[in-house]
Amino acid sequence: MNEELYKPNYTITDETLNLAASIAARVDVLTVQSGMKPSPKLRRLNRLRSIHSSLAIENNTLSLAQVTAIFV
């Protein structure tokens, strides 16, 4: 079996990682300044949607409701 290695058309550099870290730090500051409270419910919903999307990419036909039911 001759499998080609996947090579993305971008490179993760130190600059890219530093920019991502900077953005995350700024989001944290804005969250604290605005008085927003973390939302575990929203985080859970986003995680379930992410799992559902990942499964759909792999041609899995489970609905979002079915994926949610698995994790209840």
Protein backbone atom coordinates (compact mmCIF):
# COMPACT_ATOMS: atom_id res chain seq x y z
CA MET A 1 0.00 0.00 0.00
CA ASN A 2 1.54 3.29 -1.10
CA GLU A 3 0.18 6.05 1.11
CA GLU A 4 1.17 9.61 0.45
CA LEU A 5 1.81 11.71 3.50
CA TYR A 6 -0.55 14.63 3.87
CA LYS A 7 1.27 17.93 3.63
CA PRO A 8 -0.86 21.00 4.42
CA ASN A 9 -0.31 24.07 2.26
CA TYR A 10 0.76 26.16 5.25
CA THR A 11 3.57 26.10 7.76
CA ILE A 12 3.21 26.62 11.48
CA THR A 13 5.98 28.99 12.46
CA ASP A 14 7.05 30.56 15.74
CA GLU A 15 5.49 33.81 14.53
CA THR A 16 2.16 32.07 13.86
CA LEU A 17 2.16 30.47 17.31
CA ASN A 18 3.05 33.79 18.95
CA LEU A 19 0.21 35.55 17.11
CA ALA A 20 -2.28 32.84 18.16
CA ALA A 21 -1.12 33.13 21.79
CA SER A 22 -1.42 36.92 21.61
CA ILE A 23 -4.98 36.68 20.30
CA ALA A 24 -5.93 34.22 23.04
CA ALA A 25 -4.47 36.52 25.70
CA ARG A 26 -6.40 39.50 24.34
CA VAL A 27 -9.64 37.52 24.30
CA ASP A 28 -9.04 36.62 27.96
CA VAL A 29 -8.48 40.29 28.85
CA LEU A 30 -11.62 41.35 27.02
CA THR A 31 -13.61 38.60 28.72
CA VAL A 32 -12.47 39.78 32.17
CA GLN A 33 -13.02 43.47 31.35
CA SER A 34 -16.52 42.90 30.03
CA GLY A 35 -17.50 40.84 33.07
CA MET A 36 -18.48 37.85 30.95
CA LYS A 37 -18.77 34.65 32.89
CA PRO A 38 -17.67 31.35 31.37
CA SER A 39 -20.55 29.33 29.99
CA PRO A 40 -20.10 25.59 30.49
CA LYS A 41 -23.38 25.01 28.66
CA LEU A 42 -22.18 26.91 25.58
CA ARG A 43 -18.79 25.18 25.73
CA ARG A 44 -20.52 21.77 25.87
CA LEU A 45 -22.81 22.63 22.95
CA ASN A 46 -19.86 23.80 20.85
CA ARG A 47 -17.96 20.60 21.71
CA LEU A 48 -20.92 18.45 20.66
CA ARG A 49 -21.25 20.37 17.38
CA SER A 50 -17.54 19.93 16.76
CA ILE A 51 -17.80 16.17 17.33
CA HIS A 52 -20.85 15.98 15.05
CA SER A 53 -19.03 17.89 12.28
CA SER A 54 -15.96 15.70 12.63
CA LEU A 55 -18.08 12.57 12.34
CA ALA A 56 -19.89 13.98 9.29
CA ILE A 57 -16.55 14.59 7.56
CA GLU A 58 -15.84 10.89 8.07
CA ASN A 59 -19.19 10.06 6.44
CA ASN A 60 -20.93 9.13 9.69
CA THR A 61 -24.67 9.77 9.47
CA LEU A 62 -25.42 10.38 13.16
CA SER A 63 -27.52 13.48 13.74
CA LEU A 64 -26.55 16.13 16.29
CA ALA A 65 -29.32 14.80 18.55
CA GLN A 66 -27.90 11.27 18.32
CA VAL A 67 -24.37 12.47 19.09
CA THR A 68 -25.74 14.42 22.06
CA ALA A 69 -27.59 11.34 23.31
CA ILE A 70 -24.34 9.37 23.35
CA PHE A 71 -22.77 11.85 25.75
CA VAL A 72 -25.73 12.22 28.14
